[in-house]
Amino acid sequence: MIKWRDKGNRLKHKENYSILDLIADILIWIPEVLLFPIRLLFWGMRGLGRVIGNWLDVW
């Protein structure tokens, strides 16, 4: 029963989203946002290379 009461108290006294939380989120997402297009290009070129390579093997 104590666990349920503690959970209820935490929900009632929910803390606001702080500046430090925002900074941490930004620092975590920056590398992902920057690397995502590079990953897309890499996987796209790799897939295209495989398709072309397989097509050339058929001929």
C-alpha atoms as a PDB file:
ATOM      1  CA  MET A   1       0.000   0.000   0.000  1.00  0.00           C
ATOM      2  CA  ILE A   2       2.853   2.375   0.645  1.00  0.00           C
ATOM      3  CA  LYS A   3       3.996   2.117  -2.969  1.00  0.00           C
ATOM      4  CA  TRP A   4       0.574   3.163  -4.262  1.00  0.00           C
ATOM      5  CA  ARG A   5       0.477   6.139  -1.933  1.00  0.00           C
ATOM      6  CA  ASP A   6       3.976   7.246  -2.987  1.00  0.00           C
ATOM      7  CA  LYS A   7       3.029   6.994  -6.645  1.00  0.00           C
ATOM      8  CA  GLY A   8      -0.043   9.138  -6.046  1.00  0.00           C
ATOM      9  CA  ASN A   9       2.026  11.769  -4.263  1.00  0.00           C
ATOM     10  CA  ARG A  10       4.526  11.872  -7.119  1.00  0.00           C
ATOM     11  CA  LEU A  11       1.746  12.353  -9.634  1.00  0.00           C
ATOM     12  CA  LYS A  12       0.184  15.163  -7.615  1.00  0.00           C
ATOM     13  CA  HIS A  13       3.500  16.975  -7.106  1.00  0.00           C
ATOM     14  CA  LYS A  14       4.848  16.525 -10.606  1.00  0.00           C
ATOM     15  CA  GLU A  15       7.901  18.658 -11.291  1.00  0.00           C
ATOM     16  CA  ASN A  16       8.018  21.021 -14.230  1.00  0.00           C
ATOM     17  CA  TYR A  17      10.351  20.542 -17.192  1.00  0.00           C
ATOM     18  CA  SER A  18      13.494  22.432 -16.230  1.00  0.00           C
ATOM     19  CA  ILE A  19      16.121  24.234 -18.272  1.00  0.00           C
ATOM     20  CA  LEU A  20      18.630  21.501 -17.442  1.00  0.00           C
ATOM     21  CA  ASP A  21      16.253  18.888 -18.864  1.00  0.00           C
ATOM     22  CA  LEU A  22      15.963  20.926 -22.061  1.00  0.00           C
ATOM     23  CA  ILE A  23      19.742  21.274 -22.380  1.00  0.00           C
ATOM     24  CA  ALA A  24      20.234  17.559 -21.785  1.00  0.00           C
ATOM     25  CA  ASP A  25      17.643  16.698 -24.442  1.00  0.00           C
ATOM     26  CA  ILE A  26      19.265  19.039 -26.950  1.00  0.00           C
ATOM     27  CA  LEU A  27      22.732  17.622 -26.280  1.00  0.00           C
ATOM     28  CA  ILE A  28      21.430  14.099 -26.773  1.00  0.00           C
ATOM     29  CA  TRP A  29      19.540  14.883 -30.007  1.00  0.00           C
ATOM     30  CA  ILE A  30      22.189  17.002 -31.782  1.00  0.00           C
ATOM     31  CA  PRO A  31      24.417  14.045 -32.759  1.00  0.00           C
ATOM     32  CA  GLU A  32      21.398  12.060 -33.934  1.00  0.00           C
ATOM     33  CA  VAL A  33      20.072  14.894 -36.083  1.00  0.00           C
ATOM     34  CA  LEU A  34      23.495  15.497 -37.632  1.00  0.00           C
ATOM     35  CA  LEU A  35      24.300  11.837 -38.286  1.00  0.00           C
ATOM     36  CA  PHE A  36      20.896  10.759 -39.626  1.00  0.00           C
ATOM     37  CA  PRO A  37      21.335  12.238 -43.145  1.00  0.00           C
ATOM     38  CA  ILE A  38      24.837  10.761 -43.359  1.00  0.00           C
ATOM     39  CA  ARG A  39      23.468   7.346 -42.408  1.00  0.00           C
ATOM     40  CA  LEU A  40      20.711   7.649 -45.014  1.00  0.00           C
ATOM     41  CA  LEU A  41      23.238   8.480 -47.731  1.00  0.00           C
ATOM     42  CA  PHE A  42      25.535   5.659 -46.654  1.00  0.00           C
ATOM     43  CA  TRP A  43      22.808   2.994 -46.621  1.00  0.00           C
ATOM     44  CA  GLY A  44      21.276   4.323 -49.842  1.00  0.00           C
ATOM     45  CA  MET A  45      24.592   4.230 -51.708  1.00  0.00           C
ATOM     46  CA  ARG A  46      25.360   0.803 -50.304  1.00  0.00           C
ATOM     47  CA  GLY A  47      21.982  -0.539 -51.422  1.00  0.00           C
ATOM     48  CA  LEU A  48      22.324   1.064 -54.843  1.00  0.00           C
ATOM     49  CA  GLY A  49      25.811  -0.423 -55.204  1.00  0.00           C
ATOM     50  CA  ARG A  50      24.476  -3.876 -54.412  1.00  0.00           C
ATOM     51  CA  VAL A  51      21.646  -3.522 -56.934  1.00  0.00           C
ATOM     52  CA  ILE A  52      24.026  -2.357 -59.653  1.00  0.00           C
ATOM     53  CA  GLY A  53      26.540  -5.062 -58.739  1.00  0.00           C
ATOM     54  CA  ASN A  54      23.893  -7.774 -58.937  1.00  0.00           C
ATOM     55  CA  TRP A  55      22.607  -6.364 -62.218  1.00  0.00           C
ATOM     56  CA  LEU A  56      26.125  -6.433 -63.703  1.00  0.00           C
ATOM     57  CA  ASP A  57      26.617 -10.038 -62.558  1.00  0.00           C
ATOM     58  CA  VAL A  58      23.497 -11.082 -64.470  1.00  0.00           C
ATOM     59  CA  TRP A  59      24.867  -9.659 -67.722  1.00  0.00           C
END
